[in-house]
N, C-alpha and C. Protein backbone atom coordinates (compact mmCIF):
# COMPACT_ATOMS: atom_id res chain seq x y z
N MET A 1 -8.14 -66.72 -19.61
CA MET A 1 -7.19 -66.12 -20.51
C MET A 1 -7.73 -64.87 -21.18
N ALA A 2 -8.96 -64.54 -20.93
CA ALA A 2 -9.57 -63.41 -21.62
C ALA A 2 -8.88 -62.09 -21.28
N HIS A 3 -8.19 -62.04 -20.16
CA HIS A 3 -7.57 -60.76 -19.80
C HIS A 3 -6.50 -60.34 -20.79
N ARG A 4 -6.03 -61.26 -21.61
CA ARG A 4 -5.01 -60.91 -22.61
C ARG A 4 -5.54 -59.91 -23.61
N PHE A 5 -6.83 -59.85 -23.78
CA PHE A 5 -7.42 -58.97 -24.78
C PHE A 5 -7.79 -57.60 -24.20
N ILE A 6 -7.59 -57.40 -22.93
CA ILE A 6 -7.98 -56.15 -22.29
C ILE A 6 -6.93 -55.09 -22.56
N ASN A 7 -7.38 -53.96 -23.03
CA ASN A 7 -6.53 -52.83 -23.33
C ASN A 7 -6.57 -51.86 -22.15
N LYS A 8 -5.45 -51.22 -21.84
CA LYS A 8 -5.39 -50.28 -20.71
C LYS A 8 -6.45 -49.20 -20.81
N ALA A 9 -6.77 -48.78 -22.02
CA ALA A 9 -7.75 -47.71 -22.20
C ALA A 9 -9.15 -48.14 -21.77
N GLU A 10 -9.37 -49.44 -21.65
CA GLU A 10 -10.69 -49.95 -21.29
C GLU A 10 -10.97 -49.90 -19.79
N GLY A 11 -9.92 -49.71 -18.97
CA GLY A 11 -10.14 -49.66 -17.54
C GLY A 11 -8.87 -49.92 -16.76
N GLY A 12 -9.02 -50.18 -15.47
CA GLY A 12 -7.89 -50.43 -14.59
C GLY A 12 -8.19 -51.60 -13.67
N TRP A 13 -7.34 -51.78 -12.68
CA TRP A 13 -7.41 -52.96 -11.82
C TRP A 13 -7.40 -52.57 -10.35
N ILE A 14 -8.18 -53.28 -9.55
CA ILE A 14 -8.09 -53.28 -8.10
C ILE A 14 -7.57 -54.66 -7.73
N TYR A 15 -6.50 -54.71 -6.93
CA TYR A 15 -5.89 -56.01 -6.63
C TYR A 15 -5.78 -56.21 -5.12
N VAL A 16 -5.64 -57.48 -4.73
CA VAL A 16 -5.45 -57.85 -3.33
C VAL A 16 -4.17 -58.68 -3.24
N LEU A 17 -3.25 -58.22 -2.40
CA LEU A 17 -2.00 -58.95 -2.14
C LEU A 17 -2.00 -59.44 -0.70
N MET A 18 -1.36 -60.56 -0.47
CA MET A 18 -1.17 -61.05 0.90
C MET A 18 0.31 -61.28 1.13
N SER A 19 0.68 -61.30 2.39
CA SER A 19 2.06 -61.58 2.76
C SER A 19 2.14 -62.99 3.33
N GLY A 20 3.08 -63.76 2.85
CA GLY A 20 3.26 -65.11 3.36
C GLY A 20 3.72 -65.15 4.80
N THR A 21 4.26 -64.04 5.30
CA THR A 21 4.71 -64.00 6.69
C THR A 21 3.56 -63.74 7.65
N ASP A 22 2.43 -63.27 7.13
CA ASP A 22 1.27 -62.99 7.98
C ASP A 22 0.02 -63.00 7.11
N ILE A 23 -0.67 -64.15 7.05
CA ILE A 23 -1.83 -64.25 6.18
C ILE A 23 -3.03 -63.50 6.74
N TYR A 24 -2.89 -62.92 7.91
CA TYR A 24 -4.00 -62.17 8.51
C TYR A 24 -3.88 -60.67 8.26
N ARG A 25 -3.26 -60.33 7.15
CA ARG A 25 -3.25 -58.95 6.67
C ARG A 25 -3.15 -58.99 5.16
N TYR A 26 -3.74 -58.00 4.54
CA TYR A 26 -3.70 -57.94 3.08
C TYR A 26 -3.72 -56.49 2.60
N LYS A 27 -3.23 -56.30 1.41
CA LYS A 27 -3.14 -54.98 0.79
C LYS A 27 -4.14 -54.90 -0.36
N VAL A 28 -4.84 -53.79 -0.43
CA VAL A 28 -5.73 -53.51 -1.54
C VAL A 28 -5.21 -52.28 -2.25
N GLY A 29 -4.94 -52.41 -3.54
CA GLY A 29 -4.41 -51.29 -4.30
C GLY A 29 -5.02 -51.22 -5.69
N LYS A 30 -4.53 -50.26 -6.47
CA LYS A 30 -5.03 -50.07 -7.83
C LYS A 30 -3.85 -49.95 -8.79
N THR A 31 -4.09 -50.26 -10.04
CA THR A 31 -3.08 -50.08 -11.07
C THR A 31 -3.77 -50.02 -12.43
N ILE A 32 -3.14 -49.32 -13.37
CA ILE A 32 -3.63 -49.36 -14.74
C ILE A 32 -2.83 -50.35 -15.57
N ASN A 33 -1.76 -50.85 -14.98
CA ASN A 33 -0.92 -51.85 -15.64
C ASN A 33 -1.40 -53.25 -15.29
N HIS A 34 -0.76 -54.24 -15.87
CA HIS A 34 -1.08 -55.62 -15.54
C HIS A 34 -0.87 -55.82 -14.03
N PRO A 35 -1.81 -56.42 -13.32
CA PRO A 35 -1.66 -56.58 -11.87
C PRO A 35 -0.42 -57.39 -11.46
N VAL A 36 0.01 -58.32 -12.30
CA VAL A 36 1.23 -59.08 -11.98
C VAL A 36 2.43 -58.16 -12.05
N GLU A 37 2.43 -57.23 -12.98
CA GLU A 37 3.52 -56.26 -13.07
C GLU A 37 3.62 -55.44 -11.78
N ARG A 38 2.48 -54.99 -11.29
CA ARG A 38 2.46 -54.22 -10.03
C ARG A 38 2.90 -55.10 -8.86
N PHE A 39 2.41 -56.32 -8.82
CA PHE A 39 2.79 -57.27 -7.78
C PHE A 39 4.30 -57.49 -7.76
N LEU A 40 4.90 -57.66 -8.92
CA LEU A 40 6.35 -57.89 -8.99
C LEU A 40 7.13 -56.67 -8.51
N GLN A 41 6.62 -55.47 -8.77
CA GLN A 41 7.26 -54.25 -8.26
C GLN A 41 7.23 -54.21 -6.74
N LEU A 42 6.08 -54.53 -6.16
CA LEU A 42 5.92 -54.47 -4.71
C LEU A 42 6.63 -55.61 -4.00
N ARG A 43 6.80 -56.73 -4.67
CA ARG A 43 7.43 -57.89 -4.05
C ARG A 43 8.90 -57.63 -3.71
N THR A 44 9.51 -56.64 -4.34
CA THR A 44 10.90 -56.33 -4.00
C THR A 44 11.00 -55.88 -2.54
N GLY A 45 9.92 -55.33 -1.98
CA GLY A 45 9.91 -54.91 -0.58
C GLY A 45 9.52 -56.03 0.37
N ASP A 46 8.83 -57.04 -0.11
CA ASP A 46 8.42 -58.19 0.70
C ASP A 46 8.41 -59.41 -0.22
N PRO A 47 9.47 -60.22 -0.19
CA PRO A 47 9.56 -61.36 -1.10
C PRO A 47 8.51 -62.44 -0.87
N THR A 48 7.74 -62.33 0.21
CA THR A 48 6.71 -63.34 0.47
C THR A 48 5.33 -62.92 -0.03
N LEU A 49 5.25 -61.78 -0.71
CA LEU A 49 3.95 -61.33 -1.23
C LEU A 49 3.38 -62.32 -2.23
N ALA A 50 2.06 -62.40 -2.25
CA ALA A 50 1.36 -63.23 -3.23
C ALA A 50 0.15 -62.46 -3.74
N LEU A 51 -0.11 -62.57 -5.02
CA LEU A 51 -1.29 -61.94 -5.61
C LEU A 51 -2.47 -62.88 -5.42
N GLN A 52 -3.45 -62.43 -4.65
CA GLN A 52 -4.62 -63.26 -4.38
C GLN A 52 -5.65 -63.17 -5.49
N VAL A 53 -6.06 -61.94 -5.78
CA VAL A 53 -7.13 -61.72 -6.75
C VAL A 53 -6.98 -60.31 -7.32
N ALA A 54 -7.43 -60.14 -8.54
CA ALA A 54 -7.43 -58.81 -9.16
C ALA A 54 -8.76 -58.64 -9.88
N TYR A 55 -9.30 -57.45 -9.78
CA TYR A 55 -10.57 -57.13 -10.40
C TYR A 55 -10.34 -56.11 -11.51
N PHE A 56 -10.75 -56.45 -12.72
CA PHE A 56 -10.68 -55.49 -13.81
C PHE A 56 -11.92 -54.61 -13.72
N VAL A 57 -11.69 -53.30 -13.68
CA VAL A 57 -12.78 -52.33 -13.54
C VAL A 57 -12.88 -51.55 -14.86
N PRO A 58 -13.85 -51.89 -15.69
CA PRO A 58 -13.98 -51.19 -16.96
C PRO A 58 -14.38 -49.73 -16.77
N VAL A 59 -13.95 -48.90 -17.69
CA VAL A 59 -14.35 -47.49 -17.68
C VAL A 59 -15.87 -47.38 -17.70
N LEU A 60 -16.53 -48.31 -18.37
CA LEU A 60 -17.98 -48.28 -18.51
C LEU A 60 -18.72 -48.40 -17.17
N VAL A 61 -18.03 -48.85 -16.12
CA VAL A 61 -18.65 -48.96 -14.80
C VAL A 61 -19.07 -47.59 -14.29
N GLY A 62 -18.33 -46.56 -14.69
CA GLY A 62 -18.69 -45.20 -14.31
C GLY A 62 -17.98 -44.68 -13.07
N PHE A 63 -17.07 -45.45 -12.50
CA PHE A 63 -16.28 -45.02 -11.34
C PHE A 63 -14.86 -44.71 -11.80
N LYS A 64 -14.29 -43.65 -11.29
CA LYS A 64 -12.85 -43.44 -11.49
C LYS A 64 -12.15 -44.44 -10.58
N LEU A 65 -11.06 -45.00 -11.04
CA LEU A 65 -10.35 -46.04 -10.30
C LEU A 65 -9.93 -45.56 -8.92
N ARG A 66 -9.40 -44.35 -8.83
CA ARG A 66 -8.98 -43.80 -7.54
C ARG A 66 -10.16 -43.66 -6.58
N SER A 67 -11.30 -43.22 -7.08
CA SER A 67 -12.50 -43.07 -6.24
C SER A 67 -12.98 -44.42 -5.73
N LEU A 68 -12.95 -45.42 -6.61
CA LEU A 68 -13.38 -46.76 -6.20
C LEU A 68 -12.42 -47.33 -5.16
N GLU A 69 -11.12 -47.16 -5.38
CA GLU A 69 -10.13 -47.63 -4.40
C GLU A 69 -10.34 -46.95 -3.06
N ASN A 70 -10.56 -45.63 -3.06
CA ASN A 70 -10.79 -44.90 -1.81
C ASN A 70 -12.04 -45.39 -1.09
N ALA A 71 -13.10 -45.65 -1.84
CA ALA A 71 -14.34 -46.16 -1.24
C ALA A 71 -14.11 -47.54 -0.62
N ILE A 72 -13.37 -48.38 -1.30
CA ILE A 72 -13.05 -49.72 -0.77
C ILE A 72 -12.22 -49.59 0.49
N HIS A 73 -11.20 -48.74 0.47
CA HIS A 73 -10.36 -48.54 1.65
C HIS A 73 -11.20 -48.05 2.83
N HIS A 74 -12.10 -47.12 2.58
CA HIS A 74 -12.96 -46.59 3.64
C HIS A 74 -13.84 -47.70 4.23
N GLN A 75 -14.45 -48.51 3.36
CA GLN A 75 -15.30 -49.61 3.82
C GLN A 75 -14.50 -50.64 4.61
N LEU A 76 -13.33 -51.01 4.10
CA LEU A 76 -12.50 -52.00 4.80
C LEU A 76 -12.01 -51.48 6.14
N ALA A 77 -11.63 -50.20 6.19
CA ALA A 77 -11.17 -49.62 7.45
C ALA A 77 -12.27 -49.72 8.51
N ALA A 78 -13.50 -49.48 8.10
CA ALA A 78 -14.62 -49.55 9.04
C ALA A 78 -14.97 -51.00 9.40
N ALA A 79 -14.86 -51.90 8.44
CA ALA A 79 -15.29 -53.29 8.65
C ALA A 79 -14.24 -54.15 9.34
N VAL A 80 -13.00 -54.10 8.88
CA VAL A 80 -11.98 -55.01 9.41
C VAL A 80 -10.82 -54.29 10.07
N GLY A 81 -10.67 -53.01 9.81
CA GLY A 81 -9.59 -52.22 10.41
C GLY A 81 -8.39 -52.09 9.51
N ARG A 82 -7.87 -50.88 9.48
CA ARG A 82 -6.70 -50.58 8.67
C ARG A 82 -5.46 -50.75 9.54
N ILE A 83 -4.39 -51.23 8.95
CA ILE A 83 -3.11 -51.36 9.65
C ILE A 83 -2.37 -50.04 9.49
N SER A 84 -1.95 -49.48 10.62
CA SER A 84 -1.24 -48.20 10.59
C SER A 84 0.25 -48.43 10.42
N CYS A 85 0.90 -47.48 9.76
CA CYS A 85 2.35 -47.51 9.65
C CYS A 85 2.95 -47.04 10.97
N TYR A 86 4.23 -47.28 11.16
CA TYR A 86 4.89 -46.88 12.40
C TYR A 86 4.78 -45.38 12.65
N ASP A 87 4.79 -44.59 11.59
CA ASP A 87 4.70 -43.14 11.77
C ASP A 87 3.26 -42.64 11.69
N ASP A 88 2.30 -43.55 11.85
CA ASP A 88 0.87 -43.27 11.84
C ASP A 88 0.34 -42.76 10.50
N THR A 89 1.09 -42.96 9.43
CA THR A 89 0.54 -42.62 8.12
C THR A 89 -0.43 -43.72 7.70
N ILE A 90 -1.32 -43.36 6.81
CA ILE A 90 -2.35 -44.30 6.36
C ILE A 90 -1.73 -45.30 5.38
N SER A 91 -2.06 -46.57 5.59
CA SER A 91 -1.55 -47.61 4.70
C SER A 91 -2.70 -48.19 3.87
N GLU A 92 -2.35 -49.04 2.94
CA GLU A 92 -3.33 -49.77 2.14
C GLU A 92 -3.44 -51.21 2.62
N TRP A 93 -2.99 -51.47 3.84
CA TRP A 93 -3.02 -52.80 4.43
C TRP A 93 -4.15 -52.89 5.44
N PHE A 94 -4.81 -54.06 5.47
CA PHE A 94 -5.97 -54.25 6.32
C PHE A 94 -5.87 -55.57 7.08
N HIS A 95 -6.56 -55.62 8.23
CA HIS A 95 -6.62 -56.84 9.03
C HIS A 95 -7.60 -57.81 8.39
N GLY A 96 -7.35 -59.09 8.56
CA GLY A 96 -8.27 -60.10 8.06
C GLY A 96 -7.53 -61.21 7.35
N ASP A 97 -8.24 -62.28 7.13
CA ASP A 97 -7.67 -63.44 6.44
C ASP A 97 -7.58 -63.13 4.95
N ALA A 98 -6.38 -63.00 4.46
CA ALA A 98 -6.16 -62.63 3.06
C ALA A 98 -6.79 -63.63 2.10
N ARG A 99 -6.89 -64.87 2.53
CA ARG A 99 -7.46 -65.90 1.64
C ARG A 99 -8.95 -65.66 1.39
N ASN A 100 -9.59 -64.89 2.27
CA ASN A 100 -11.02 -64.61 2.11
C ASN A 100 -11.30 -63.15 1.75
N ALA A 101 -10.26 -62.40 1.44
CA ALA A 101 -10.45 -60.98 1.13
C ALA A 101 -11.36 -60.78 -0.08
N TRP A 102 -11.32 -61.72 -1.00
CA TRP A 102 -12.17 -61.60 -2.19
C TRP A 102 -13.65 -61.58 -1.82
N LEU A 103 -14.03 -62.27 -0.75
CA LEU A 103 -15.43 -62.24 -0.31
C LEU A 103 -15.82 -60.83 0.12
N GLU A 104 -14.94 -60.20 0.90
CA GLU A 104 -15.18 -58.81 1.32
C GLU A 104 -15.31 -57.91 0.10
N MET A 105 -14.41 -58.10 -0.85
CA MET A 105 -14.41 -57.27 -2.05
C MET A 105 -15.70 -57.46 -2.84
N ASP A 106 -16.09 -58.70 -3.05
CA ASP A 106 -17.32 -58.97 -3.80
C ASP A 106 -18.54 -58.34 -3.13
N MET A 107 -18.60 -58.43 -1.80
CA MET A 107 -19.73 -57.83 -1.08
C MET A 107 -19.74 -56.31 -1.21
N MET A 108 -18.55 -55.70 -1.18
CA MET A 108 -18.48 -54.25 -1.34
C MET A 108 -18.93 -53.83 -2.73
N PHE A 109 -18.47 -54.54 -3.74
CA PHE A 109 -18.89 -54.21 -5.10
C PHE A 109 -20.41 -54.30 -5.22
N GLU A 110 -20.98 -55.32 -4.57
CA GLU A 110 -22.44 -55.47 -4.59
C GLU A 110 -23.11 -54.29 -3.90
N GLU A 111 -22.55 -53.84 -2.76
CA GLU A 111 -23.09 -52.67 -2.08
C GLU A 111 -23.02 -51.42 -2.94
N PHE A 112 -22.02 -51.35 -3.81
CA PHE A 112 -21.87 -50.21 -4.72
C PHE A 112 -22.73 -50.41 -5.99
N ASN A 113 -23.58 -51.44 -5.99
CA ASN A 113 -24.43 -51.77 -7.14
C ASN A 113 -23.63 -52.10 -8.40
N LEU A 114 -22.52 -52.80 -8.21
CA LEU A 114 -21.68 -53.23 -9.32
C LEU A 114 -21.75 -54.75 -9.44
N THR A 115 -21.77 -55.24 -10.65
CA THR A 115 -21.83 -56.68 -10.90
C THR A 115 -20.42 -57.22 -11.08
N VAL A 116 -20.14 -58.35 -10.41
CA VAL A 116 -18.84 -59.02 -10.54
C VAL A 116 -19.06 -60.34 -11.28
N THR A 117 -18.20 -60.60 -12.23
CA THR A 117 -18.27 -61.84 -13.00
C THR A 117 -16.86 -62.42 -13.13
N ASP A 118 -16.78 -63.67 -13.50
CA ASP A 118 -15.48 -64.31 -13.75
C ASP A 118 -15.16 -64.35 -15.24
N TYR A 119 -16.00 -63.75 -16.05
CA TYR A 119 -15.82 -63.81 -17.49
C TYR A 119 -15.76 -62.41 -18.09
N TYR A 120 -14.70 -62.13 -18.80
CA TYR A 120 -14.55 -60.84 -19.45
C TYR A 120 -15.42 -60.78 -20.70
N GLN A 121 -16.23 -59.75 -20.76
CA GLN A 121 -17.07 -59.51 -21.93
C GLN A 121 -16.81 -58.08 -22.38
N PRO A 122 -16.23 -57.89 -23.55
CA PRO A 122 -15.94 -56.53 -24.01
C PRO A 122 -17.19 -55.66 -24.03
N ASN A 123 -16.98 -54.39 -23.74
CA ASN A 123 -18.05 -53.38 -23.78
C ASN A 123 -19.18 -53.64 -22.78
N GLN A 124 -18.85 -54.27 -21.67
CA GLN A 124 -19.83 -54.50 -20.61
C GLN A 124 -19.44 -53.67 -19.39
N ASN A 125 -20.41 -53.31 -18.57
CA ASN A 125 -20.10 -52.54 -17.36
C ASN A 125 -20.08 -53.47 -16.14
N LYS A 126 -19.38 -54.58 -16.28
CA LYS A 126 -19.24 -55.55 -15.19
C LYS A 126 -17.78 -55.60 -14.75
N ILE A 127 -17.58 -55.73 -13.46
CA ILE A 127 -16.24 -55.92 -12.92
C ILE A 127 -15.88 -57.39 -13.09
N VAL A 128 -14.66 -57.64 -13.54
CA VAL A 128 -14.25 -59.02 -13.83
C VAL A 128 -13.19 -59.46 -12.82
N ARG A 129 -13.47 -60.58 -12.14
CA ARG A 129 -12.55 -61.12 -11.14
C ARG A 129 -11.60 -62.11 -11.81
N PHE A 130 -10.30 -61.91 -11.55
CA PHE A 130 -9.27 -62.83 -12.04
C PHE A 130 -8.47 -63.32 -10.83
N TRP A 131 -8.26 -64.60 -10.72
CA TRP A 131 -7.49 -65.16 -9.61
C TRP A 131 -6.01 -64.96 -9.87
N GLY A 132 -5.28 -64.68 -8.80
CA GLY A 132 -3.86 -64.39 -8.90
C GLY A 132 -3.06 -65.46 -9.61
N ALA A 133 -3.31 -66.72 -9.28
CA ALA A 133 -2.55 -67.82 -9.89
C ALA A 133 -2.76 -67.86 -11.40
N ASP A 134 -3.98 -67.59 -11.85
CA ASP A 134 -4.26 -67.58 -13.28
C ASP A 134 -3.53 -66.44 -13.98
N LEU A 135 -3.53 -65.26 -13.36
CA LEU A 135 -2.85 -64.11 -13.94
C LEU A 135 -1.35 -64.36 -14.02
N GLU A 136 -0.78 -64.92 -12.95
CA GLU A 136 0.66 -65.18 -12.92
C GLU A 136 1.06 -66.22 -13.96
N ALA A 137 0.22 -67.22 -14.17
CA ALA A 137 0.54 -68.28 -15.12
C ALA A 137 0.64 -67.75 -16.54
N GLU A 138 -0.13 -66.72 -16.85
CA GLU A 138 -0.14 -66.19 -18.20
C GLU A 138 0.80 -65.01 -18.40
N TYR A 139 1.25 -64.39 -17.32
CA TYR A 139 2.14 -63.24 -17.45
C TYR A 139 3.47 -63.73 -18.01
N PRO A 140 4.15 -63.07 -18.90
CA PRO A 140 4.03 -61.66 -19.29
C PRO A 140 3.27 -61.41 -20.58
N LEU A 141 2.33 -62.26 -20.93
CA LEU A 141 1.54 -61.96 -22.12
C LEU A 141 0.91 -60.58 -21.96
N ARG A 142 0.88 -59.83 -23.00
CA ARG A 142 0.45 -58.44 -22.94
C ARG A 142 -1.05 -58.30 -23.12
N PHE A 143 -1.56 -57.15 -22.72
CA PHE A 143 -2.97 -56.85 -22.87
C PHE A 143 -3.37 -56.77 -24.34
N GLU A 144 -2.56 -56.09 -25.09
CA GLU A 144 -2.95 -55.76 -26.45
C GLU A 144 -2.49 -56.85 -27.41
N PHE A 145 -3.31 -57.15 -28.37
CA PHE A 145 -2.91 -58.10 -29.39
C PHE A 145 -2.66 -57.33 -30.68
N ILE A 146 -1.84 -57.91 -31.53
CA ILE A 146 -1.53 -57.24 -32.79
C ILE A 146 -1.99 -58.10 -33.95
N ASN A 147 -2.32 -57.46 -35.02
CA ASN A 147 -2.74 -58.15 -36.23
C ASN A 147 -1.54 -58.27 -37.14
N ARG A 148 -1.14 -59.47 -37.47
CA ARG A 148 -0.02 -59.66 -38.38
C ARG A 148 -0.48 -59.40 -39.81
N ASP A 149 0.48 -59.25 -40.69
CA ASP A 149 0.17 -59.00 -42.10
C ASP A 149 -0.65 -60.12 -42.72
N ASN A 150 -0.48 -61.33 -42.22
CA ASN A 150 -1.21 -62.47 -42.79
C ASN A 150 -2.60 -62.65 -42.17
N GLY A 151 -3.03 -61.70 -41.34
CA GLY A 151 -4.36 -61.76 -40.75
C GLY A 151 -4.44 -62.52 -39.45
N GLU A 152 -3.35 -63.19 -39.03
CA GLU A 152 -3.36 -63.92 -37.77
C GLU A 152 -3.18 -62.96 -36.60
N ILE A 153 -3.76 -63.31 -35.50
CA ILE A 153 -3.61 -62.50 -34.29
C ILE A 153 -2.47 -63.06 -33.47
N ASP A 154 -1.60 -62.20 -32.98
CA ASP A 154 -0.46 -62.63 -32.17
C ASP A 154 -0.44 -61.78 -30.91
N PHE A 155 0.28 -62.24 -29.92
CA PHE A 155 0.36 -61.54 -28.64
C PHE A 155 1.75 -61.02 -28.41
C-alpha cells in the first residue's frame, strides 16, 4: 500500500501489460500517472489486457523515464524480439511469457546497476516493484495524501 504516498514529482513508472488472448507477448511502457490509470486507458483497445507488474522509478535514480524505457526496449528487442506492427512501425510489444516478464525486467535493472525492491522508501534511489493485482486492488486511491484541519491524514 505504500504506493499511495508516492507523488508524481518523485518519479514515474515502467509497467508490463499482457494480453489474455496471447500470454506469449507483453507490452512494456512508461507513465507518470498511476499505472492502473494507464492500463485502463489501453484496455479500451484490448479488453483482455492485464497489468502484470509496475516499477516505480524515482527521480533520484538518475535516469530520465524515457531514456530508461528506450534502454529496456533495446535490451528486450535484442533478447526476446520485438513484435512488429503490420505497417512495420516499431511497437512496445515483445515476445515471451508475460508471466515471467518481471524476471527479464529485474535482470535488466541489475545490468543498469539499479536496485529493485518490493518496499517503497521515500528519498531512496531504488526502483520499487509493485504487482499488478495489488495496484488494481487499491486503485483509485490517489498518490497524494492531504492533511485535514484536524491533523488526520486522508486520501
